């Protein structure tokens, strides 16, 4: 019976960690797209003909979308995959 309780506690802990990550993700996105961070990439360099700040902003945007999708799947999946 103790092993079952430990398993349930571990599942609850994992779910709380996923929920915490879902709460932190928008804050991470805001920080990474703030002006001081963007100024680190304000150089005259170009990647495939696009300015570096442009590539950074859209790269971060795509990364945030991918992470949000992954987190939403983990949260809606529930405990069956644990």
PDB file of N, CA and C in Angstrom:
ATOM      1  N   UNK A   1       0.816  -1.199   0.000  1.00  0.00           N
ATOM      2  CA  UNK A   1       0.000   0.000   0.000  1.00  0.00           C
ATOM      3  C   UNK A   1       0.857   1.260   0.000  1.00  0.00           C
ATOM      4  N   UNK A   2       2.016   1.199   0.649  1.00  0.00           N
ATOM      5  CA  UNK A   2       2.879   2.370   0.693  1.00  0.00           C
ATOM      6  C   UNK A   2       3.419   2.718  -0.682  1.00  0.00           C
ATOM      7  N   UNK A   3       3.695   1.709  -1.490  1.00  0.00           N
ATOM      8  CA  UNK A   3       4.215   1.962  -2.832  1.00  0.00           C
ATOM      9  C   UNK A   3       3.180   2.690  -3.689  1.00  0.00           C
ATOM     10  N   UNK A   4       1.914   2.328  -3.513  1.00  0.00           N
ATOM     11  CA  UNK A   4       0.843   2.996  -4.248  1.00  0.00           C
ATOM     12  C   UNK A   4       0.746   4.459  -3.829  1.00  0.00           C
ATOM     13  N   UNK A   5       0.890   4.731  -2.540  1.00  0.00           N
ATOM     14  CA  UNK A   5       0.856   6.103  -2.048  1.00  0.00           C
ATOM     15  C   UNK A   5       2.027   6.906  -2.602  1.00  0.00           C
ATOM     16  N   UNK A   6       3.202   6.277  -2.655  1.00  0.00           N
ATOM     17  CA  UNK A   6       4.368   6.957  -3.213  1.00  0.00           C
ATOM     18  C   UNK A   6       4.166   7.260  -4.685  1.00  0.00           C
ATOM     19  N   UNK A   7       3.573   6.337  -5.410  1.00  0.00           N
ATOM     20  CA  UNK A   7       3.310   6.532  -6.834  1.00  0.00           C
ATOM     21  C   UNK A   7       2.335   7.689  -7.053  1.00  0.00           C
ATOM     22  N   UNK A   8       1.295   7.735  -6.234  1.00  0.00           N
ATOM     23  CA  UNK A   8       0.333   8.835  -6.337  1.00  0.00           C
ATOM     24  C   UNK A   8       0.980  10.162  -5.995  1.00  0.00           C
ATOM     25  N   UNK A   9       1.830  10.182  -4.984  1.00  0.00           N
ATOM     26  CA  UNK A   9       2.524  11.412  -4.596  1.00  0.00           C
ATOM     27  C   UNK A   9       3.469  11.866  -5.706  1.00  0.00           C
ATOM     28  N   UNK A  10       4.131  10.912  -6.336  1.00  0.00           N
ATOM     29  CA  UNK A  10       5.044  11.264  -7.430  1.00  0.00           C
ATOM     30  C   UNK A  10       4.279  11.827  -8.627  1.00  0.00           C
ATOM     31  N   UNK A  11       3.128  11.261  -8.939  1.00  0.00           N
ATOM     32  CA  UNK A  11       2.300  11.771 -10.034  1.00  0.00           C
ATOM     33  C   UNK A  11       1.814  13.185  -9.732  1.00  0.00           C
ATOM     34  N   UNK A  12       1.396  13.403  -8.497  1.00  0.00           N
ATOM     35  CA  UNK A  12       0.935  14.736  -8.104  1.00  0.00           C
ATOM     36  C   UNK A  12       2.080  15.738  -8.185  1.00  0.00           C
ATOM     37  N   UNK A  13       3.269  15.318  -7.776  1.00  0.00           N
ATOM     38  CA  UNK A  13       4.432  16.191  -7.841  1.00  0.00           C
ATOM     39  C   UNK A  13       4.763  16.556  -9.288  1.00  0.00           C
ATOM     40  N   UNK A  14       4.744  15.567 -10.172  1.00  0.00           N
ATOM     41  CA  UNK A  14       5.018  15.831 -11.591  1.00  0.00           C
ATOM     42  C   UNK A  14       3.989  16.776 -12.198  1.00  0.00           C
ATOM     43  N   UNK A  15       2.724  16.579 -11.846  1.00  0.00           N
ATOM     44  CA  UNK A  15       1.670  17.454 -12.360  1.00  0.00           C
ATOM     45  C   UNK A  15       1.856  18.883 -11.864  1.00  0.00           C
ATOM     46  N   UNK A  16       2.228  19.050 -10.597  1.00  0.00           N
ATOM     47  CA  UNK A  16       2.481  20.396 -10.063  1.00  0.00           C
ATOM     48  C   UNK A  16       3.658  21.052 -10.774  1.00  0.00           C
ATOM     49  N   UNK A  17       4.677  20.272 -11.072  1.00  0.00           N
ATOM     50  CA  UNK A  17       5.832  20.834 -11.795  1.00  0.00           C
ATOM     51  C   UNK A  17       5.434  21.290 -13.192  1.00  0.00           C
ATOM     52  N   UNK A  18       4.581  20.519 -13.859  1.00  0.00           N
ATOM     53  CA  UNK A  18       4.102  20.916 -15.185  1.00  0.00           C
ATOM     54  C   UNK A  18       3.270  22.195 -15.093  1.00  0.00           C
ATOM     55  N   UNK A  19       2.418  22.283 -14.084  1.00  0.00           N
ATOM     56  CA  UNK A  19       1.601  23.479 -13.904  1.00  0.00           C
ATOM     57  C   UNK A  19       2.481  24.688 -13.607  1.00  0.00           C
ATOM     58  N   UNK A  20       3.505  24.516 -12.798  1.00  0.00           N
ATOM     59  CA  UNK A  20       4.432  25.606 -12.511  1.00  0.00           C
ATOM     60  C   UNK A  20       5.160  26.048 -13.773  1.00  0.00           C
ATOM     61  N   UNK A  21       5.572  25.094 -14.588  1.00  0.00           N
ATOM     62  CA  UNK A  21       6.243  25.428 -15.840  1.00  0.00           C
ATOM     63  C   UNK A  21       5.302  26.207 -16.763  1.00  0.00           C
ATOM     64  N   UNK A  22       4.023  25.839 -16.773  1.00  0.00           N
ATOM     65  CA  UNK A  22       3.046  26.549 -17.599  1.00  0.00           C
ATOM     66  C   UNK A  22       2.844  27.975 -17.097  1.00  0.00           C
ATOM     67  N   UNK A  23       2.981  28.196 -15.811  1.00  0.00           N
ATOM     68  CA  UNK A  23       2.865  29.550 -15.270  1.00  0.00           C
ATOM     69  C   UNK A  23       4.112  30.389 -15.551  1.00  0.00           C
ATOM     70  N   UNK A  24       5.265  29.754 -15.580  1.00  0.00           N
ATOM     71  CA  UNK A  24       6.525  30.468 -15.781  1.00  0.00           C
ATOM     72  C   UNK A  24       6.773  30.790 -17.257  1.00  0.00           C
ATOM     73  N   UNK A  25       6.232  30.006 -18.157  1.00  0.00           N
ATOM     74  CA  UNK A  25       6.493  30.186 -19.585  1.00  0.00           C
ATOM     75  C   UNK A  25       6.151  31.593 -20.092  1.00  0.00           C
ATOM     76  N   UNK A  26       4.992  32.177 -19.784  1.00  0.00           N
ATOM     77  CA  UNK A  26       4.725  33.541 -20.259  1.00  0.00           C
ATOM     78  C   UNK A  26       5.692  34.575 -19.677  1.00  0.00           C
ATOM     79  N   UNK A  27       6.092  34.380 -18.429  1.00  0.00           N
ATOM     80  CA  UNK A  27       7.051  35.297 -17.813  1.00  0.00           C
ATOM     81  C   UNK A  27       8.394  35.197 -18.537  1.00  0.00           C
ATOM     82  N   UNK A  28       8.811  33.977 -18.836  1.00  0.00           N
ATOM     83  CA  UNK A  28      10.043  33.763 -19.592  1.00  0.00           C
ATOM     84  C   UNK A  28       9.963  34.456 -20.954  1.00  0.00           C
ATOM     85  N   UNK A  29       8.823  34.314 -21.625  1.00  0.00           N
ATOM     86  CA  UNK A  29       8.641  34.938 -22.928  1.00  0.00           C
ATOM     87  C   UNK A  29       8.706  36.450 -22.854  1.00  0.00           C
ATOM     88  N   UNK A  30       8.085  37.025 -21.845  1.00  0.00           N
ATOM     89  CA  UNK A  30       8.114  38.484 -21.686  1.00  0.00           C
ATOM     90  C   UNK A  30       9.534  38.964 -21.455  1.00  0.00           C
ATOM     91  N   UNK A  31      10.256  38.268 -20.582  1.00  0.00           N
ATOM     92  CA  UNK A  31      11.640  38.673 -20.291  1.00  0.00           C
ATOM     93  C   UNK A  31      12.514  38.568 -21.533  1.00  0.00           C
ATOM     94  N   UNK A  32      12.361  37.481 -22.289  1.00  0.00           N
ATOM     95  CA  UNK A  32      13.206  37.279 -23.469  1.00  0.00           C
ATOM     96  C   UNK A  32      12.884  38.247 -24.609  1.00  0.00           C
ATOM     97  N   UNK A  33      11.715  38.861 -24.568  1.00  0.00           N
ATOM     98  CA  UNK A  33      11.351  39.802 -25.626  1.00  0.00           C
ATOM     99  C   UNK A  33      11.373  41.259 -25.152  1.00  0.00           C
ATOM    100  N   UNK A  34      11.938  41.500 -23.967  1.00  0.00           N
ATOM    101  CA  UNK A  34      12.051  42.872 -23.465  1.00  0.00           C
ATOM    102  C   UNK A  34      13.180  43.597 -24.185  1.00  0.00           C
ATOM    103  N   UNK A  35      13.083  44.904 -24.205  1.00  0.00           N
ATOM    104  CA  UNK A  35      14.045  45.737 -24.922  1.00  0.00           C
ATOM    105  C   UNK A  35      15.497  45.493 -24.507  1.00  0.00           C
ATOM    106  N   UNK A  36      15.840  45.417 -23.219  1.00  0.00           N
ATOM    107  CA  UNK A  36      17.258  45.196 -22.884  1.00  0.00           C
ATOM    108  C   UNK A  36      17.819  43.898 -23.472  1.00  0.00           C
ATOM    109  N   UNK A  37      17.031  42.855 -23.495  1.00  0.00           N
ATOM    110  CA  UNK A  37      17.501  41.591 -24.078  1.00  0.00           C
ATOM    111  C   UNK A  37      17.588  41.726 -25.592  1.00  0.00           C
ATOM    112  N   UNK A  38      16.619  42.385 -26.190  1.00  0.00           N
ATOM    113  CA  UNK A  38      16.642  42.579 -27.641  1.00  0.00           C
ATOM    114  C   UNK A  38      17.852  43.411 -28.080  1.00  0.00           C
ATOM    115  N   UNK A  39      18.275  44.338 -27.244  1.00  0.00           N
ATOM    116  CA  UNK A  39      19.423  45.169 -27.608  1.00  0.00           C
ATOM    117  C   UNK A  39      20.712  44.370 -27.687  1.00  0.00           C
ATOM    118  N   UNK A  40      20.755  43.220 -27.039  1.00  0.00           N
ATOM    119  CA  UNK A  40      21.932  42.358 -27.150  1.00  0.00           C
ATOM    120  C   UNK A  40      22.108  41.846 -28.580  1.00  0.00           C
ATOM    121  N   UNK A  41      21.003  41.792 -29.318  1.00  0.00           N
ATOM    122  CA  UNK A  41      21.038  41.268 -30.685  1.00  0.00           C
ATOM    123  C   UNK A  41      20.920  42.361 -31.743  1.00  0.00           C
ATOM    124  N   UNK A  42      21.073  43.612 -31.346  1.00  0.00           N
ATOM    125  CA  UNK A  42      20.915  44.700 -32.317  1.00  0.00           C
ATOM    126  C   UNK A  42      22.255  45.001 -32.988  1.00  0.00           C
ATOM    127  N   UNK A  43      22.684  44.081 -33.778  1.00  0.00           N
ATOM    128  CA  UNK A  43      23.925  44.243 -34.542  1.00  0.00           C
ATOM    129  C   UNK A  43      23.567  44.297 -36.022  1.00  0.00           C
ATOM    130  N   UNK A  44      24.532  44.644 -36.830  1.00  0.00           N
ATOM    131  CA  UNK A  44      24.298  44.724 -38.267  1.00  0.00           C
ATOM    132  C   UNK A  44      24.424  43.368 -38.952  1.00  0.00           C
ATOM    133  N   UNK A  45      24.531  42.317 -38.192  1.00  0.00           N
ATOM    134  CA  UNK A  45      24.675  40.978 -38.772  1.00  0.00           C
ATOM    135  C   UNK A  45      23.360  40.532 -39.403  1.00  0.00           C
ATOM    136  N   UNK A  46      23.487  39.684 -40.406  1.00  0.00           N
ATOM    137  CA  UNK A  46      22.302  39.147 -41.074  1.00  0.00           C
ATOM    138  C   UNK A  46      22.410  37.631 -41.155  1.00  0.00           C
ATOM    139  N   UNK A  47      21.266  36.987 -41.013  1.00  0.00           N
ATOM    140  CA  UNK A  47      21.188  35.539 -41.151  1.00  0.00           C
ATOM    141  C   UNK A  47      20.229  35.260 -42.292  1.00  0.00           C
ATOM    142  N   UNK A  48      20.723  34.638 -43.345  1.00  0.00           N
ATOM    143  CA  UNK A  48      19.942  34.382 -44.561  1.00  0.00           C
ATOM    144  C   UNK A  48      19.300  35.669 -45.086  1.00  0.00           C
ATOM    145  N   UNK A  49      20.007  36.779 -44.949  1.00  0.00           N
ATOM    146  CA  UNK A  49      19.518  38.061 -45.458  1.00  0.00           C
ATOM    147  C   UNK A  49      18.581  38.803 -44.522  1.00  0.00           C
ATOM    148  N   UNK A  50      18.233  38.217 -43.394  1.00  0.00           N
ATOM    149  CA  UNK A  50      17.340  38.874 -42.434  1.00  0.00           C
ATOM    150  C   UNK A  50      18.172  39.440 -41.278  1.00  0.00           C
ATOM    151  N   UNK A  51      17.810  40.620 -40.808  1.00  0.00           N
ATOM    152  CA  UNK A  51      18.547  41.207 -39.679  1.00  0.00           C
ATOM    153  C   UNK A  51      18.459  40.325 -38.434  1.00  0.00           C
ATOM    154  N   UNK A  52      19.529  40.329 -37.644  1.00  0.00           N
ATOM    155  CA  UNK A  52      19.611  39.478 -36.459  1.00  0.00           C
ATOM    156  C   UNK A  52      18.468  39.701 -35.466  1.00  0.00           C
ATOM    157  N   UNK A  53      18.065  40.955 -35.155  1.00  0.00           N
ATOM    158  CA  UNK A  53      16.933  41.120 -34.222  1.00  0.00           C
ATOM    159  C   UNK A  53      15.635  40.480 -34.739  1.00  0.00           C
ATOM    160  N   UNK A  54      15.407  40.567 -36.023  1.00  0.00           N
ATOM    161  CA  UNK A  54      14.229  39.960 -36.641  1.00  0.00           C
ATOM    162  C   UNK A  54      14.242  38.448 -36.452  1.00  0.00           C
ATOM    163  N   UNK A  55      15.390  37.831 -36.698  1.00  0.00           N
ATOM    164  CA  UNK A  55      15.537  36.386 -36.544  1.00  0.00           C
ATOM    165  C   UNK A  55      15.363  35.993 -35.082  1.00  0.00           C
ATOM    166  N   UNK A  56      15.919  36.802 -34.166  1.00  0.00           N
ATOM    167  CA  UNK A  56      15.790  36.506 -32.737  1.00  0.00           C
ATOM    168  C   UNK A  56      14.333  36.562 -32.292  1.00  0.00           C
ATOM    169  N   UNK A  57      13.619  37.624 -32.645  1.00  0.00           N
ATOM    170  CA  UNK A  57      12.223  37.775 -32.213  1.00  0.00           C
ATOM    171  C   UNK A  57      11.370  36.624 -32.729  1.00  0.00           C
ATOM    172  N   UNK A  58      11.474  36.317 -33.998  1.00  0.00           N
ATOM    173  CA  UNK A  58      10.649  35.251 -34.549  1.00  0.00           C
ATOM    174  C   UNK A  58      11.116  33.867 -34.101  1.00  0.00           C
ATOM    175  N   UNK A  59      12.404  33.712 -33.839  1.00  0.00           N
ATOM    176  CA  UNK A  59      12.899  32.463 -33.283  1.00  0.00           C
ATOM    177  C   UNK A  59      12.362  32.227 -31.876  1.00  0.00           C
ATOM    178  N   UNK A  60      12.372  33.275 -31.055  1.00  0.00           N
ATOM    179  CA  UNK A  60      11.807  33.167 -29.704  1.00  0.00           C
ATOM    180  C   UNK A  60      10.311  32.896 -29.770  1.00  0.00           C
ATOM    181  N   UNK A  61       9.638  33.540 -30.686  1.00  0.00           N
ATOM    182  CA  UNK A  61       8.198  33.356 -30.843  1.00  0.00           C
ATOM    183  C   UNK A  61       7.881  31.890 -31.170  1.00  0.00           C
ATOM    184  N   UNK A  62       8.613  31.332 -32.112  1.00  0.00           N
ATOM    185  CA  UNK A  62       8.410  29.928 -32.492  1.00  0.00           C
ATOM    186  C   UNK A  62       8.740  29.003 -31.313  1.00  0.00           C
ATOM    187  N   UNK A  63       9.833  29.293 -30.602  1.00  0.00           N
ATOM    188  CA  UNK A  63      10.204  28.485 -29.441  1.00  0.00           C
ATOM    189  C   UNK A  63       9.106  28.514 -28.374  1.00  0.00           C
ATOM    190  N   UNK A  64       8.545  29.692 -28.098  1.00  0.00           N
ATOM    191  CA  UNK A  64       7.477  29.807 -27.104  1.00  0.00           C
ATOM    192  C   UNK A  64       6.234  29.032 -27.531  1.00  0.00           C
ATOM    193  N   UNK A  65       5.921  29.062 -28.809  1.00  0.00           N
ATOM    194  CA  UNK A  65       4.765  28.304 -29.309  1.00  0.00           C
ATOM    195  C   UNK A  65       4.994  26.807 -29.127  1.00  0.00           C
ATOM    196  N   UNK A  66       6.185  26.340 -29.470  1.00  0.00           N
ATOM    197  CA  UNK A  66       6.504  24.910 -29.336  1.00  0.00           C
ATOM    198  C   UNK A  66       6.450  24.480 -27.875  1.00  0.00           C
ATOM    199  N   UNK A  67       7.025  25.285 -26.991  1.00  0.00           N
ATOM    200  CA  UNK A  67       7.006  24.948 -25.564  1.00  0.00           C
ATOM    201  C   UNK A  67       5.586  24.967 -25.006  1.00  0.00           C
ATOM    202  N   UNK A  68       4.772  25.928 -25.423  1.00  0.00           N
ATOM    203  CA  UNK A  68       3.385  25.994 -24.943  1.00  0.00           C
ATOM    204  C   UNK A  68       2.594  24.782 -25.424  1.00  0.00           C
ATOM    205  N   UNK A  69       2.819  24.374 -26.655  1.00  0.00           N
ATOM    206  CA  UNK A  69       2.128  23.199 -27.184  1.00  0.00           C
ATOM    207  C   UNK A  69       2.524  21.949 -26.409  1.00  0.00           C
ATOM    208  N   UNK A  70       3.799  21.811 -26.144  1.00  0.00           N
ATOM    209  CA  UNK A  70       4.296  20.645 -25.397  1.00  0.00           C
ATOM    210  C   UNK A  70       3.714  20.620 -23.979  1.00  0.00           C
ATOM    211  N   UNK A  71       3.733  21.777 -23.323  1.00  0.00           N
ATOM    212  CA  UNK A  71       3.187  21.844 -21.969  1.00  0.00           C
ATOM    213  C   UNK A  71       1.693  21.577 -21.942  1.00  0.00           C
ATOM    214  N   UNK A  72       0.969  22.092 -22.920  1.00  0.00           N
ATOM    215  CA  UNK A  72      -0.476  21.861 -22.931  1.00  0.00           C
ATOM    216  C   UNK A  72      -0.791  20.381 -23.133  1.00  0.00           C
ATOM    217  N   UNK A  73      -0.009  19.716 -23.964  1.00  0.00           N
ATOM    218  CA  UNK A  73      -0.215  18.271 -24.149  1.00  0.00           C
ATOM    219  C   UNK A  73       0.101  17.500 -22.882  1.00  0.00           C
ATOM    220  N   UNK A  74       1.161  17.897 -22.185  1.00  0.00           N
ATOM    221  CA  UNK A  74       1.510  17.220 -20.941  1.00  0.00           C
ATOM    222  C   UNK A  74       0.456  17.448 -19.869  1.00  0.00           C
ATOM    223  N   UNK A  75      -0.114  18.646 -19.824  1.00  0.00           N
ATOM    224  CA  UNK A  75      -1.129  18.938 -18.813  1.00  0.00           C
ATOM    225  C   UNK A  75      -2.455  18.264 -19.108  1.00  0.00           C
ATOM    226  N   UNK A  76      -2.835  18.185 -20.383  1.00  0.00           N
ATOM    227  CA  UNK A  76      -4.112  17.572 -20.713  1.00  0.00           C
ATOM    228  C   UNK A  76      -4.036  16.055 -20.765  1.00  0.00           C
ATOM    229  N   UNK A  77      -2.825  15.538 -20.921  1.00  0.00           N
ATOM    230  CA  UNK A  77      -2.645  14.092 -20.972  1.00  0.00           C
ATOM    231  C   UNK A  77      -3.048  13.441 -19.672  1.00  0.00           C
ATOM    232  N   UNK A  78      -2.799  14.128 -18.586  1.00  0.00           N
ATOM    233  CA  UNK A  78      -3.151  13.565 -17.288  1.00  0.00           C
ATOM    234  C   UNK A  78      -2.090  12.610 -16.802  1.00  0.00           C
ATOM    235  N   UNK A  79      -2.503  11.631 -16.050  1.00  0.00           N
ATOM    236  CA  UNK A  79      -1.576  10.708 -15.418  1.00  0.00           C
ATOM    237  C   UNK A  79      -1.415   9.388 -16.152  1.00  0.00           C
ATOM    238  N   UNK A  80      -2.118   9.192 -17.259  1.00  0.00           N
ATOM    239  CA  UNK A  80      -2.025   7.879 -17.908  1.00  0.00           C
ATOM    240  C   UNK A  80      -0.658   7.595 -18.485  1.00  0.00           C
ATOM    241  N   UNK A  81       0.122   8.644 -18.845  1.00  0.00           N
ATOM    242  CA  UNK A  81       1.433   8.414 -19.429  1.00  0.00           C
ATOM    243  C   UNK A  81       2.551   8.357 -18.410  1.00  0.00           C
ATOM    244  N   UNK A  82       2.270   8.652 -17.151  1.00  0.00           N
ATOM    245  CA  UNK A  82       3.318   8.682 -16.134  1.00  0.00           C
ATOM    246  C   UNK A  82       3.763   7.312 -15.743  1.00  0.00           C
TER     247      UNK A  82
END
